[in-house]
Every structure is written in C-alpha cells, then in structure tokens.
Amino acid sequence: MKTLNEYMAMSYRMEIVEDKDEGGFVVSYPDLPGCITCGETIEHAVANALDAKKTWIEAAIEEGIEIHEPNSLESYSGQFKLRLPRSLHRALAEHSQKEGVSMNQYCVYLLAKNDVMYSK
C-alpha cells in the first residue's frame, strides 16, 4: 500500500459542478467514491476538495480500504475504427467539405457536441 503523500501526489480527476439550488460549487473525485465537498467560490471549493481528498485517503488507509489509482488517459490511443453506412459516410464527407475541414475533424466536432449534451 502506498503512503498518504504518494496518493496525494497522484493526479486524481476533480469534477466541479455549480450548485444552482444552494449556490456555490460541489467538487468530487470520481476515482475516490464518496469524496465530495463544496465551497462558495470555485477557489474555496478546490481548496476544500484538497482537504477532503487528504481526509478521505487517510481514512481509507486507516480502515484498510482499497484506494484505486486515478484513471489515466495513457490507456486510450485516441483512435478507434468505426463502420458506418455508405450514405452516412457520403453525408459526413460532404458536410465536412462544406465546412472546409477534414472529415475526421468534423466527426470529432459532432461527437464532442453530442457528448456534451448527454453528460449533463
């Protein structure tokens, strides 16, 4: 098992969400289940999150709870193969040409735009 300092040095992904009902911001670490805090400003929320992360890890070490290391982007190449109907291929090629970008850039734009819609 790693030490507190070793875990604290790892780059755990932090999610910050505005709390529109209560005001302020809520911060959590997806790789540390239940590690959540808040603050009136983003700055306060982030400072509180660092304290919450330390407290969460200390408690997990003390209780012998498994602490997962942060997910890394290194295991993703940024590439995948996709089969699609020829008619869609043609439509995407035509739209990307109209926009003056590569079909790859156009598809990344469409995927990112769609991902934002479904991640809320």
PDB file of N, CA and C in Angstrom:
ATOM      1  N   MET A   1       0.840  -1.181   0.000  1.00  0.00           N
ATOM      2  CA  MET A   1       0.000   0.000   0.000  1.00  0.00           C
ATOM      3  C   MET A   1       0.888   1.249   0.000  1.00  0.00           C
ATOM      4  N   LYS A   2       0.475   2.237  -0.748  1.00  0.00           N
ATOM      5  CA  LYS A   2       1.229   3.481  -0.852  1.00  0.00           C
ATOM      6  C   LYS A   2       0.994   4.340   0.384  1.00  0.00           C
ATOM      7  N   THR A   3       1.823   5.348   0.547  1.00  0.00           N
ATOM      8  CA  THR A   3       1.677   6.273   1.668  1.00  0.00           C
ATOM      9  C   THR A   3       0.710   7.394   1.293  1.00  0.00           C
ATOM     10  N   LEU A   4       0.292   8.133   2.301  1.00  0.00           N
ATOM     11  CA  LEU A   4      -0.591   9.279   2.085  1.00  0.00           C
ATOM     12  C   LEU A   4       0.029  10.251   1.092  1.00  0.00           C
ATOM     13  N   ASN A   5       1.293  10.561   1.251  1.00  0.00           N
ATOM     14  CA  ASN A   5       1.966  11.507   0.355  1.00  0.00           C
ATOM     15  C   ASN A   5       2.011  11.006  -1.087  1.00  0.00           C
ATOM     16  N   GLU A   6       2.202   9.693  -1.252  1.00  0.00           N
ATOM     17  CA  GLU A   6       2.218   9.129  -2.603  1.00  0.00           C
ATOM     18  C   GLU A   6       0.849   9.259  -3.259  1.00  0.00           C
ATOM     19  N   TYR A   7      -0.216   8.971  -2.503  1.00  0.00           N
ATOM     20  CA  TYR A   7      -1.562   9.131  -3.066  1.00  0.00           C
ATOM     21  C   TYR A   7      -1.875  10.602  -3.335  1.00  0.00           C
ATOM     22  N   MET A   8      -1.470  11.479  -2.441  1.00  0.00           N
ATOM     23  CA  MET A   8      -1.749  12.914  -2.616  1.00  0.00           C
ATOM     24  C   MET A   8      -1.038  13.472  -3.842  1.00  0.00           C
ATOM     25  N   ALA A   9       0.095  12.885  -4.212  1.00  0.00           N
ATOM     26  CA  ALA A   9       0.854  13.358  -5.376  1.00  0.00           C
ATOM     27  C   ALA A   9       0.241  12.903  -6.696  1.00  0.00           C
ATOM     28  N   MET A  10      -0.688  11.934  -6.624  1.00  0.00           N
ATOM     29  CA  MET A  10      -1.304  11.441  -7.858  1.00  0.00           C
ATOM     30  C   MET A  10      -2.347  12.423  -8.371  1.00  0.00           C
ATOM     31  N   SER A  11      -2.496  12.458  -9.682  1.00  0.00           N
ATOM     32  CA  SER A  11      -3.420  13.403 -10.325  1.00  0.00           C
ATOM     33  C   SER A  11      -4.818  12.798 -10.465  1.00  0.00           C
ATOM     34  N   TYR A  12      -5.561  12.861  -9.381  1.00  0.00           N
ATOM     35  CA  TYR A  12      -6.944  12.393  -9.429  1.00  0.00           C
ATOM     36  C   TYR A  12      -7.792  13.462 -10.117  1.00  0.00           C
ATOM     37  N   ARG A  13      -8.681  13.004 -10.993  1.00  0.00           N
ATOM     38  CA  ARG A  13      -9.557  13.928 -11.728  1.00  0.00           C
ATOM     39  C   ARG A  13     -10.583  14.504 -10.769  1.00  0.00           C
ATOM     40  N   MET A  14     -10.723  15.819 -10.834  1.00  0.00           N
ATOM     41  CA  MET A  14     -11.648  16.543  -9.983  1.00  0.00           C
ATOM     42  C   MET A  14     -12.810  17.032 -10.845  1.00  0.00           C
ATOM     43  N   GLU A  15     -14.037  16.805 -10.388  1.00  0.00           N
ATOM     44  CA  GLU A  15     -15.211  17.315 -11.100  1.00  0.00           C
ATOM     45  C   GLU A  15     -15.816  18.444 -10.281  1.00  0.00           C
ATOM     46  N   ILE A  16     -16.043  19.577 -10.940  1.00  0.00           N
ATOM     47  CA  ILE A  16     -16.618  20.747 -10.277  1.00  0.00           C
ATOM     48  C   ILE A  16     -17.946  21.055 -10.949  1.00  0.00           C
ATOM     49  N   VAL A  17     -19.003  21.140 -10.128  1.00  0.00           N
ATOM     50  CA  VAL A  17     -20.340  21.408 -10.644  1.00  0.00           C
ATOM     51  C   VAL A  17     -20.937  22.565  -9.862  1.00  0.00           C
ATOM     52  N   GLU A  18     -21.510  23.513 -10.585  1.00  0.00           N
ATOM     53  CA  GLU A  18     -22.174  24.634  -9.926  1.00  0.00           C
ATOM     54  C   GLU A  18     -23.469  24.139  -9.284  1.00  0.00           C
ATOM     55  N   ASP A  19     -23.696  24.509  -8.029  1.00  0.00           N
ATOM     56  CA  ASP A  19     -24.926  24.144  -7.333  1.00  0.00           C
ATOM     57  C   ASP A  19     -25.919  25.280  -7.518  1.00  0.00           C
ATOM     58  N   LYS A  20     -26.800  25.143  -8.484  1.00  0.00           N
ATOM     59  CA  LYS A  20     -27.727  26.218  -8.833  1.00  0.00           C
ATOM     60  C   LYS A  20     -28.840  26.376  -7.800  1.00  0.00           C
ATOM     61  N   ASP A  21     -29.104  25.338  -7.011  1.00  0.00           N
ATOM     62  CA  ASP A  21     -30.145  25.427  -5.988  1.00  0.00           C
ATOM     63  C   ASP A  21     -29.649  26.123  -4.724  1.00  0.00           C
ATOM     64  N   GLU A  22     -28.509  25.685  -4.225  1.00  0.00           N
ATOM     65  CA  GLU A  22     -27.974  26.202  -2.962  1.00  0.00           C
ATOM     66  C   GLU A  22     -26.938  27.317  -3.161  1.00  0.00           C
ATOM     67  N   GLY A  23     -26.405  27.409  -4.373  1.00  0.00           N
ATOM     68  CA  GLY A  23     -25.320  28.359  -4.623  1.00  0.00           C
ATOM     69  C   GLY A  23     -23.981  27.711  -4.356  1.00  0.00           C
ATOM     70  N   GLY A  24     -22.943  28.272  -4.888  1.00  0.00           N
ATOM     71  CA  GLY A  24     -21.611  27.728  -4.693  1.00  0.00           C
ATOM     72  C   GLY A  24     -21.310  26.604  -5.679  1.00  0.00           C
ATOM     73  N   PHE A  25     -20.328  25.775  -5.310  1.00  0.00           N
ATOM     74  CA  PHE A  25     -19.845  24.727  -6.201  1.00  0.00           C
ATOM     75  C   PHE A  25     -19.627  23.441  -5.411  1.00  0.00           C
ATOM     76  N   VAL A  26     -19.919  22.325  -6.056  1.00  0.00           N
ATOM     77  CA  VAL A  26     -19.714  20.997  -5.473  1.00  0.00           C
ATOM     78  C   VAL A  26     -18.549  20.347  -6.208  1.00  0.00           C
ATOM     79  N   VAL A  27     -17.639  19.772  -5.457  1.00  0.00           N
ATOM     80  CA  VAL A  27     -16.458  19.131  -6.042  1.00  0.00           C
ATOM     81  C   VAL A  27     -16.394  17.686  -5.589  1.00  0.00           C
ATOM     82  N   SER A  28     -16.086  16.806  -6.538  1.00  0.00           N
ATOM     83  CA  SER A  28     -15.914  15.384  -6.207  1.00  0.00           C
ATOM     84  C   SER A  28     -14.754  14.817  -7.000  1.00  0.00           C
ATOM     85  N   TYR A  29     -14.287  13.660  -6.525  1.00  0.00           N
ATOM     86  CA  TYR A  29     -13.242  12.903  -7.209  1.00  0.00           C
ATOM     87  C   TYR A  29     -13.857  11.575  -7.644  1.00  0.00           C
ATOM     88  N   PRO A  30     -14.143  11.384  -8.933  1.00  0.00           N
ATOM     89  CA  PRO A  30     -14.789  10.144  -9.386  1.00  0.00           C
ATOM     90  C   PRO A  30     -14.039   8.864  -9.009  1.00  0.00           C
ATOM     91  N   ASP A  31     -12.721   8.927  -8.902  1.00  0.00           N
ATOM     92  CA  ASP A  31     -11.941   7.733  -8.570  1.00  0.00           C
ATOM     93  C   ASP A  31     -11.880   7.461  -7.068  1.00  0.00           C
ATOM     94  N   LEU A  32     -12.429   8.386  -6.263  1.00  0.00           N
ATOM     95  CA  LEU A  32     -12.463   8.218  -4.813  1.00  0.00           C
ATOM     96  C   LEU A  32     -13.928   8.287  -4.373  1.00  0.00           C
ATOM     97  N   PRO A  33     -14.648   7.178  -4.429  1.00  0.00           N
ATOM     98  CA  PRO A  33     -16.094   7.172  -4.175  1.00  0.00           C
ATOM     99  C   PRO A  33     -16.467   7.800  -2.829  1.00  0.00           C
ATOM    100  N   GLY A  34     -17.378   8.759  -2.896  1.00  0.00           N
ATOM    101  CA  GLY A  34     -17.840   9.427  -1.687  1.00  0.00           C
ATOM    102  C   GLY A  34     -17.005  10.611  -1.270  1.00  0.00           C
ATOM    103  N   CYS A  35     -15.925  10.876  -1.953  1.00  0.00           N
ATOM    104  CA  CYS A  35     -15.077  12.026  -1.638  1.00  0.00           C
ATOM    105  C   CYS A  35     -15.681  13.243  -2.334  1.00  0.00           C
ATOM    106  N   ILE A  36     -16.415  14.039  -1.561  1.00  0.00           N
ATOM    107  CA  ILE A  36     -17.154  15.160  -2.118  1.00  0.00           C
ATOM    108  C   ILE A  36     -17.161  16.302  -1.110  1.00  0.00           C
ATOM    109  N   THR A  37     -17.151  17.513  -1.618  1.00  0.00           N
ATOM    110  CA  THR A  37     -17.184  18.694  -0.767  1.00  0.00           C
ATOM    111  C   THR A  37     -17.772  19.849  -1.558  1.00  0.00           C
ATOM    112  N   CYS A  38     -17.797  21.021  -0.952  1.00  0.00           N
ATOM    113  CA  CYS A  38     -18.342  22.180  -1.657  1.00  0.00           C
ATOM    114  C   CYS A  38     -17.651  23.447  -1.164  1.00  0.00           C
ATOM    115  N   GLY A  39     -17.975  24.560  -1.815  1.00  0.00           N
ATOM    116  CA  GLY A  39     -17.448  25.859  -1.431  1.00  0.00           C
ATOM    117  C   GLY A  39     -18.246  26.959  -2.094  1.00  0.00           C
ATOM    118  N   GLU A  40     -18.209  28.146  -1.509  1.00  0.00           N
ATOM    119  CA  GLU A  40     -18.979  29.268  -2.053  1.00  0.00           C
ATOM    120  C   GLU A  40     -18.427  29.758  -3.381  1.00  0.00           C
ATOM    121  N   THR A  41     -17.118  29.642  -3.564  1.00  0.00           N
ATOM    122  CA  THR A  41     -16.480  30.014  -4.825  1.00  0.00           C
ATOM    123  C   THR A  41     -15.719  28.810  -5.347  1.00  0.00           C
ATOM    124  N   ILE A  42     -15.322  28.873  -6.597  1.00  0.00           N
ATOM    125  CA  ILE A  42     -14.527  27.767  -7.150  1.00  0.00           C
ATOM    126  C   ILE A  42     -13.234  27.609  -6.361  1.00  0.00           C
ATOM    127  N   GLU A  43     -12.616  28.731  -6.020  1.00  0.00           N
ATOM    128  CA  GLU A  43     -11.349  28.678  -5.282  1.00  0.00           C
ATOM    129  C   GLU A  43     -11.527  27.984  -3.931  1.00  0.00           C
ATOM    130  N   HIS A  44     -12.599  28.353  -3.201  1.00  0.00           N
ATOM    131  CA  HIS A  44     -12.856  27.715  -1.908  1.00  0.00           C
ATOM    132  C   HIS A  44     -13.200  26.242  -2.086  1.00  0.00           C
ATOM    133  N   ALA A  45     -13.977  25.930  -3.114  1.00  0.00           N
ATOM    134  CA  ALA A  45     -14.362  24.541  -3.365  1.00  0.00           C
ATOM    135  C   ALA A  45     -13.137  23.678  -3.662  1.00  0.00           C
ATOM    136  N   VAL A  46     -12.210  24.197  -4.463  1.00  0.00           N
ATOM    137  CA  VAL A  46     -10.986  23.445  -4.792  1.00  0.00           C
ATOM    138  C   VAL A  46     -10.119  23.268  -3.553  1.00  0.00           C
ATOM    139  N   ALA A  47      -9.985  24.315  -2.743  1.00  0.00           N
ATOM    140  CA  ALA A  47      -9.200  24.202  -1.503  1.00  0.00           C
ATOM    141  C   ALA A  47      -9.833  23.166  -0.578  1.00  0.00           C
ATOM    142  N   ASN A  48     -11.163  23.207  -0.461  1.00  0.00           N
ATOM    143  CA  ASN A  48     -11.867  22.226   0.364  1.00  0.00           C
ATOM    144  C   ASN A  48     -11.707  20.816  -0.199  1.00  0.00           C
ATOM    145  N   ALA A  49     -11.660  20.713  -1.528  1.00  0.00           N
ATOM    146  CA  ALA A  49     -11.513  19.402  -2.171  1.00  0.00           C
ATOM    147  C   ALA A  49     -10.165  18.772  -1.836  1.00  0.00           C
ATOM    148  N   LEU A  50      -9.131  19.581  -1.790  1.00  0.00           N
ATOM    149  CA  LEU A  50      -7.811  19.046  -1.437  1.00  0.00           C
ATOM    150  C   LEU A  50      -7.815  18.515  -0.014  1.00  0.00           C
ATOM    151  N   ASP A  51      -8.487  19.243   0.904  1.00  0.00           N
ATOM    152  CA  ASP A  51      -8.615  18.765   2.285  1.00  0.00           C
ATOM    153  C   ASP A  51      -9.445  17.486   2.340  1.00  0.00           C
ATOM    154  N   ALA A  52     -10.541  17.456   1.576  1.00  0.00           N
ATOM    155  CA  ALA A  52     -11.411  16.280   1.560  1.00  0.00           C
ATOM    156  C   ALA A  52     -10.663  15.070   1.011  1.00  0.00           C
ATOM    157  N   LYS A  53      -9.864  15.287  -0.030  1.00  0.00           N
ATOM    158  CA  LYS A  53      -9.075  14.193  -0.621  1.00  0.00           C
ATOM    159  C   LYS A  53      -8.111  13.622   0.418  1.00  0.00           C
ATOM    160  N   LYS A  54      -7.430  14.503   1.138  1.00  0.00           N
ATOM    161  CA  LYS A  54      -6.472  14.056   2.152  1.00  0.00           C
ATOM    162  C   LYS A  54      -7.186  13.280   3.257  1.00  0.00           C
ATOM    163  N   THR A  55      -8.308  13.806   3.741  1.00  0.00           N
ATOM    164  CA  THR A  55      -9.065  13.149   4.796  1.00  0.00           C
ATOM    165  C   THR A  55      -9.597  11.806   4.323  1.00  0.00           C
ATOM    166  N   TRP A  56     -10.101  11.751   3.088  1.00  0.00           N
ATOM    167  CA  TRP A  56     -10.644  10.510   2.529  1.00  0.00           C
ATOM    168  C   TRP A  56      -9.552   9.443   2.446  1.00  0.00           C
ATOM    169  N   ILE A  57      -8.390   9.829   1.931  1.00  0.00           N
ATOM    170  CA  ILE A  57      -7.281   8.871   1.779  1.00  0.00           C
ATOM    171  C   ILE A  57      -6.784   8.412   3.144  1.00  0.00           C
ATOM    172  N   GLU A  58      -6.649   9.337   4.101  1.00  0.00           N
ATOM    173  CA  GLU A  58      -6.226   8.957   5.457  1.00  0.00           C
ATOM    174  C   GLU A  58      -7.180   7.927   6.056  1.00  0.00           C
ATOM    175  N   ALA A  59      -8.487   8.181   5.919  1.00  0.00           N
ATOM    176  CA  ALA A  59      -9.483   7.257   6.468  1.00  0.00           C
ATOM    177  C   ALA A  59      -9.422   5.900   5.762  1.00  0.00           C
ATOM    178  N   ALA A  60      -9.242   5.911   4.453  1.00  0.00           N
ATOM    179  CA  ALA A  60      -9.165   4.664   3.694  1.00  0.00           C
ATOM    180  C   ALA A  60      -7.943   3.850   4.107  1.00  0.00           C
ATOM    181  N   ILE A  61      -6.818   4.507   4.296  1.00  0.00           N
ATOM    182  CA  ILE A  61      -5.604   3.808   4.737  1.00  0.00           C
ATOM    183  C   ILE A  61      -5.829   3.212   6.120  1.00  0.00           C
ATOM    184  N   GLU A  62      -6.398   4.010   7.021  1.00  0.00           N
ATOM    185  CA  GLU A  62      -6.641   3.562   8.394  1.00  0.00           C
ATOM    186  C   GLU A  62      -7.600   2.371   8.448  1.00  0.00           C
ATOM    187  N   GLU A  63      -8.620   2.383   7.588  1.00  0.00           N
ATOM    188  CA  GLU A  63      -9.626   1.317   7.582  1.00  0.00           C
ATOM    189  C   GLU A  63      -9.235   0.138   6.684  1.00  0.00           C
ATOM    190  N   GLY A  64      -8.123   0.256   5.967  1.00  0.00           N
ATOM    191  CA  GLY A  64      -7.683  -0.810   5.077  1.00  0.00           C
ATOM    192  C   GLY A  64      -8.531  -0.928   3.819  1.00  0.00           C
ATOM    193  N   ILE A  65      -9.149   0.181   3.419  1.00  0.00           N
ATOM    194  CA  ILE A  65      -9.986   0.197   2.219  1.00  0.00           C
ATOM    195  C   ILE A  65      -9.086   0.379   0.998  1.00  0.00           C
ATOM    196  N   GLU A  66      -9.375  -0.379  -0.053  1.00  0.00           N
ATOM    197  CA  GLU A  66      -8.585  -0.288  -1.279  1.00  0.00           C
ATOM    198  C   GLU A  66      -8.740   1.096  -1.901  1.00  0.00           C
ATOM    199  N   ILE A  67      -7.635   1.696  -2.244  1.00  0.00           N
ATOM    200  CA  ILE A  67      -7.630   3.013  -2.885  1.00  0.00           C
ATOM    201  C   ILE A  67      -7.185   2.812  -4.326  1.00  0.00           C
ATOM    202  N   HIS A  68      -8.086   3.112  -5.236  1.00  0.00           N
ATOM    203  CA  HIS A  68      -7.757   2.966  -6.650  1.00  0.00           C
ATOM    204  C   HIS A  68      -6.911   4.141  -7.115  1.00  0.00           C
ATOM    205  N   GLU A  69      -5.949   3.835  -7.957  1.00  0.00           N
ATOM    206  CA  GLU A  69      -5.163   4.910  -8.550  1.00  0.00           C
ATOM    207  C   GLU A  69      -6.008   5.595  -9.615  1.00  0.00           C
ATOM    208  N   PRO A  70      -5.681   6.848  -9.918  1.00  0.00           N
ATOM    209  CA  PRO A  70      -6.507   7.582 -10.886  1.00  0.00           C
ATOM    210  C   PRO A  70      -6.478   6.942 -12.269  1.00  0.00           C
ATOM    211  N   ASN A  71      -7.630   7.027 -12.937  1.00  0.00           N
ATOM    212  CA  ASN A  71      -7.677   6.583 -14.327  1.00  0.00           C
ATOM    213  C   ASN A  71      -6.740   7.454 -15.145  1.00  0.00           C
ATOM    214  N   SER A  72      -6.061   6.842 -16.071  1.00  0.00           N
ATOM    215  CA  SER A  72      -5.092   7.557 -16.891  1.00  0.00           C
ATOM    216  C   SER A  72      -5.535   7.564 -18.344  1.00  0.00           C
ATOM    217  N   LEU A  73      -5.225   8.634 -19.034  1.00  0.00           N
ATOM    218  CA  LEU A  73      -5.521   8.704 -20.462  1.00  0.00           C
ATOM    219  C   LEU A  73      -4.538   7.875 -21.284  1.00  0.00           C
ATOM    220  N   GLU A  74      -3.468   7.405 -20.633  1.00  0.00           N
ATOM    221  CA  GLU A  74      -2.440   6.653 -21.353  1.00  0.00           C
ATOM    222  C   GLU A  74      -2.977   5.363 -21.968  1.00  0.00           C
ATOM    223  N   SER A  75      -4.054   4.825 -21.389  1.00  0.00           N
ATOM    224  CA  SER A  75      -4.579   3.573 -21.928  1.00  0.00           C
ATOM    225  C   SER A  75      -5.512   3.797 -23.116  1.00  0.00           C
ATOM    226  N   TYR A  76      -5.675   5.051 -23.520  1.00  0.00           N
ATOM    227  CA  TYR A  76      -6.510   5.382 -24.673  1.00  0.00           C
ATOM    228  C   TYR A  76      -5.644   5.964 -25.777  1.00  0.00           C
ATOM    229  N   SER A  77      -5.742   5.398 -26.968  1.00  0.00           N
ATOM    230  CA  SER A  77      -4.899   5.847 -28.075  1.00  0.00           C
ATOM    231  C   SER A  77      -5.460   7.072 -28.764  1.00  0.00           C
ATOM    232  N   GLY A  78      -6.767   7.324 -28.611  1.00  0.00           N
ATOM    233  CA  GLY A  78      -7.389   8.419 -29.343  1.00  0.00           C
ATOM    234  C   GLY A  78      -7.858   7.974 -30.720  1.00  0.00           C
ATOM    235  N   GLN A  79      -7.801   6.675 -30.970  1.00  0.00           N
ATOM    236  CA  GLN A  79      -8.221   6.146 -32.264  1.00  0.00           C
ATOM    237  C   GLN A  79      -9.119   4.931 -32.052  1.00  0.00           C
ATOM    238  N   PHE A  80     -10.117   4.796 -32.930  1.00  0.00           N
ATOM    239  CA  PHE A  80     -10.912   3.577 -32.990  1.00  0.00           C
ATOM    240  C   PHE A  80     -11.491   3.468 -34.399  1.00  0.00           C
ATOM    241  N   LYS A  81     -11.798   2.252 -34.768  1.00  0.00           N
ATOM    242  CA  LYS A  81     -12.322   2.005 -36.111  1.00  0.00           C
ATOM    243  C   LYS A  81     -13.838   1.964 -36.028  1.00  0.00           C
ATOM    244  N   LEU A  82     -14.481   2.617 -36.967  1.00  0.00           N
ATOM    245  CA  LEU A  82     -15.931   2.709 -36.969  1.00  0.00           C
ATOM    246  C   LEU A  82     -16.469   2.365 -38.351  1.00  0.00           C
ATOM    247  N   ARG A  83     -17.384   1.428 -38.386  1.00  0.00           N
ATOM    248  CA  ARG A  83     -18.036   1.090 -39.654  1.00  0.00           C
ATOM    249  C   ARG A  83     -19.373   1.806 -39.683  1.00  0.00           C
ATOM    250  N   LEU A  84     -19.700   2.408 -40.844  1.00  0.00           N
ATOM    251  CA  LEU A  84     -20.950   3.131 -40.979  1.00  0.00           C
ATOM    252  C   LEU A  84     -21.513   2.953 -42.371  1.00  0.00           C
ATOM    253  N   PRO A  85     -22.805   3.194 -42.528  1.00  0.00           N
ATOM    254  CA  PRO A  85     -23.399   3.049 -43.855  1.00  0.00           C
ATOM    255  C   PRO A  85     -22.760   4.016 -44.861  1.00  0.00           C
ATOM    256  N   ARG A  86     -22.694   3.594 -46.104  1.00  0.00           N
ATOM    257  CA  ARG A  86     -22.076   4.420 -47.145  1.00  0.00           C
ATOM    258  C   ARG A  86     -22.774   5.766 -47.281  1.00  0.00           C
ATOM    259  N   SER A  87     -24.091   5.780 -47.121  1.00  0.00           N
ATOM    260  CA  SER A  87     -24.833   7.036 -47.252  1.00  0.00           C
ATOM    261  C   SER A  87     -24.427   8.034 -46.157  1.00  0.00           C
ATOM    262  N   LEU A  88     -24.187   7.541 -44.943  1.00  0.00           N
ATOM    263  CA  LEU A  88     -23.736   8.414 -43.868  1.00  0.00           C
ATOM    264  C   LEU A  88     -22.314   8.880 -44.122  1.00  0.00           C
ATOM    265  N   HIS A  89     -21.474   7.989 -44.629  1.00  0.00           N
ATOM    266  CA  HIS A  89     -20.099   8.341 -44.974  1.00  0.00           C
ATOM    267  C   HIS A  89     -20.094   9.494 -45.985  1.00  0.00           C
ATOM    268  N   ARG A  90     -20.933   9.365 -47.016  1.00  0.00           N
ATOM    269  CA  ARG A  90     -21.026  10.405 -48.042  1.00  0.00           C
ATOM    270  C   ARG A  90     -21.506  11.722 -47.416  1.00  0.00           C
ATOM    271  N   ALA A  91     -22.557  11.666 -46.596  1.00  0.00           N
ATOM    272  CA  ALA A  91     -23.098  12.878 -45.978  1.00  0.00           C
ATOM    273  C   ALA A  91     -22.050  13.563 -45.104  1.00  0.00           C
ATOM    274  N   LEU A  92     -21.310  12.796 -44.316  1.00  0.00           N
ATOM    275  CA  LEU A  92     -20.268  13.371 -43.465  1.00  0.00           C
ATOM    276  C   LEU A  92     -19.159  13.995 -44.310  1.00  0.00           C
ATOM    277  N   ALA A  93     -18.783  13.322 -45.378  1.00  0.00           N
ATOM    278  CA  ALA A  93     -17.743  13.859 -46.269  1.00  0.00           C
ATOM    279  C   ALA A  93     -18.208  15.173 -46.899  1.00  0.00           C
ATOM    280  N   GLU A  94     -19.455  15.213 -47.340  1.00  0.00           N
ATOM    281  CA  GLU A  94     -19.980  16.432 -47.959  1.00  0.00           C
ATOM    282  C   GLU A  94     -20.076  17.583 -46.957  1.00  0.00           C
ATOM    283  N   HIS A  95     -20.557  17.301 -45.752  1.00  0.00           N
ATOM    284  CA  HIS A  95     -20.679  18.345 -44.731  1.00  0.00           C
ATOM    285  C   HIS A  95     -19.315  18.881 -44.316  1.00  0.00           C
ATOM    286  N   SER A  96     -18.365  17.983 -44.162  1.00  0.00           N
ATOM    287  CA  SER A  96     -17.028  18.436 -43.762  1.00  0.00           C
ATOM    288  C   SER A  96     -16.388  19.277 -44.861  1.00  0.00           C
ATOM    289  N   GLN A  97     -16.638  18.905 -46.096  1.00  0.00           N
ATOM    290  CA  GLN A  97     -16.094  19.680 -47.214  1.00  0.00           C
ATOM    291  C   GLN A  97     -16.702  21.086 -47.224  1.00  0.00           C
ATOM    292  N   LYS A  98     -18.019  21.182 -46.982  1.00  0.00           N
ATOM    293  CA  LYS A  98     -18.674  22.496 -46.920  1.00  0.00           C
ATOM    294  C   LYS A  98     -18.086  23.366 -45.814  1.00  0.00           C
ATOM    295  N   GLU A  99     -17.730  22.741 -44.691  1.00  0.00           N
ATOM    296  CA  GLU A  99     -17.162  23.465 -43.555  1.00  0.00           C
ATOM    297  C   GLU A  99     -15.672  23.763 -43.753  1.00  0.00           C
ATOM    298  N   GLY A 100     -15.059  23.130 -44.750  1.00  0.00           N
ATOM    299  CA  GLY A 100     -13.640  23.368 -45.021  1.00  0.00           C
ATOM    300  C   GLY A 100     -12.709  22.705 -44.023  1.00  0.00           C
ATOM    301  N   VAL A 101     -13.161  21.577 -43.454  1.00  0.00           N
ATOM    302  CA  VAL A 101     -12.327  20.829 -42.506  1.00  0.00           C
ATOM    303  C   VAL A 101     -12.272  19.373 -42.951  1.00  0.00           C
ATOM    304  N   SER A 102     -11.343  18.642 -42.367  1.00  0.00           N
ATOM    305  CA  SER A 102     -11.267  17.218 -42.700  1.00  0.00           C
ATOM    306  C   SER A 102     -12.482  16.501 -42.129  1.00  0.00           C
ATOM    307  N   MET A 103     -12.797  15.358 -42.693  1.00  0.00           N
ATOM    308  CA  MET A 103     -13.914  14.578 -42.185  1.00  0.00           C
ATOM    309  C   MET A 103     -13.634  14.139 -40.750  1.00  0.00           C
ATOM    310  N   ASN A 104     -12.388  13.849 -40.442  1.00  0.00           N
ATOM    311  CA  ASN A 104     -12.008  13.467 -39.088  1.00  0.00           C
ATOM    312  C   ASN A 104     -12.314  14.605 -38.106  1.00  0.00           C
ATOM    313  N   GLN A 105     -11.911  15.820 -38.439  1.00  0.00           N
ATOM    314  CA  GLN A 105     -12.181  16.970 -37.567  1.00  0.00           C
ATOM    315  C   GLN A 105     -13.684  17.182 -37.407  1.00  0.00           C
ATOM    316  N   TYR A 106     -14.421  17.047 -38.490  1.00  0.00           N
ATOM    317  CA  TYR A 106     -15.865  17.241 -38.456  1.00  0.00           C
ATOM    318  C   TYR A 106     -16.532  16.196 -37.549  1.00  0.00           C
ATOM    319  N   CYS A 107     -16.099  14.951 -37.660  1.00  0.00           N
ATOM    320  CA  CYS A 107     -16.675  13.888 -36.826  1.00  0.00           C
ATOM    321  C   CYS A 107     -16.328  14.090 -35.351  1.00  0.00           C
ATOM    322  N   VAL A 108     -15.104  14.536 -35.062  1.00  0.00           N
ATOM    323  CA  VAL A 108     -14.723  14.821 -33.680  1.00  0.00           C
ATOM    324  C   VAL A 108     -15.604  15.936 -33.130  1.00  0.00           C
ATOM    325  N   TYR A 109     -15.849  16.966 -33.938  1.00  0.00           N
ATOM    326  CA  TYR A 109     -16.730  18.058 -33.539  1.00  0.00           C
ATOM    327  C   TYR A 109     -18.126  17.522 -33.201  1.00  0.00           C
ATOM    328  N   LEU A 110     -18.688  16.686 -34.087  1.00  0.00           N
ATOM    329  CA  LEU A 110     -20.033  16.151 -33.861  1.00  0.00           C
ATOM    330  C   LEU A 110     -20.087  15.278 -32.604  1.00  0.00           C
ATOM    331  N   LEU A 111     -19.078  14.441 -32.412  1.00  0.00           N
ATOM    332  CA  LEU A 111     -19.049  13.577 -31.236  1.00  0.00           C
ATOM    333  C   LEU A 111     -18.927  14.395 -29.948  1.00  0.00           C
ATOM    334  N   ALA A 112     -18.059  15.402 -29.964  1.00  0.00           N
ATOM    335  CA  ALA A 112     -17.880  16.243 -28.775  1.00  0.00           C
ATOM    336  C   ALA A 112     -19.157  17.014 -28.461  1.00  0.00           C
ATOM    337  N   LYS A 113     -19.791  17.555 -29.481  1.00  0.00           N
ATOM    338  CA  LYS A 113     -21.035  18.303 -29.299  1.00  0.00           C
ATOM    339  C   LYS A 113     -22.111  17.390 -28.704  1.00  0.00           C
ATOM    340  N   ASN A 114     -22.226  16.190 -29.207  1.00  0.00           N
ATOM    341  CA  ASN A 114     -23.210  15.236 -28.709  1.00  0.00           C
ATOM    342  C   ASN A 114     -22.874  14.781 -27.292  1.00  0.00           C
ATOM    343  N   ASP A 115     -21.599  14.572 -27.009  1.00  0.00           N
ATOM    344  CA  ASP A 115     -21.171  14.123 -25.690  1.00  0.00           C
ATOM    345  C   ASP A 115     -21.527  15.151 -24.627  1.00  0.00           C
ATOM    346  N   VAL A 116     -21.365  16.425 -24.940  1.00  0.00           N
ATOM    347  CA  VAL A 116     -21.702  17.499 -24.012  1.00  0.00           C
ATOM    348  C   VAL A 116     -23.192  17.459 -23.685  1.00  0.00           C
ATOM    349  N   MET A 117     -24.011  17.224 -24.692  1.00  0.00           N
ATOM    350  CA  MET A 117     -25.459  17.178 -24.483  1.00  0.00           C
ATOM    351  C   MET A 117     -25.856  16.058 -23.525  1.00  0.00           C
ATOM    352  N   TYR A 118     -25.193  14.917 -23.611  1.00  0.00           N
ATOM    353  CA  TYR A 118     -25.574  13.765 -22.796  1.00  0.00           C
ATOM    354  C   TYR A 118     -24.827  13.688 -21.476  1.00  0.00           C
ATOM    355  N   SER A 119     -23.831  14.521 -21.258  1.00  0.00           N
ATOM    356  CA  SER A 119     -23.079  14.446 -19.997  1.00  0.00           C
ATOM    357  C   SER A 119     -23.670  15.338 -18.925  1.00  0.00           C
ATOM    358  N   LYS A 120     -24.697  16.087 -19.246  1.00  0.00           N
ATOM    359  CA  LYS A 120     -25.325  16.978 -18.253  1.00  0.00           C
ATOM    360  C   LYS A 120     -26.330  16.244 -17.423  1.00  0.00           C
TER     361      LYS A 120
END
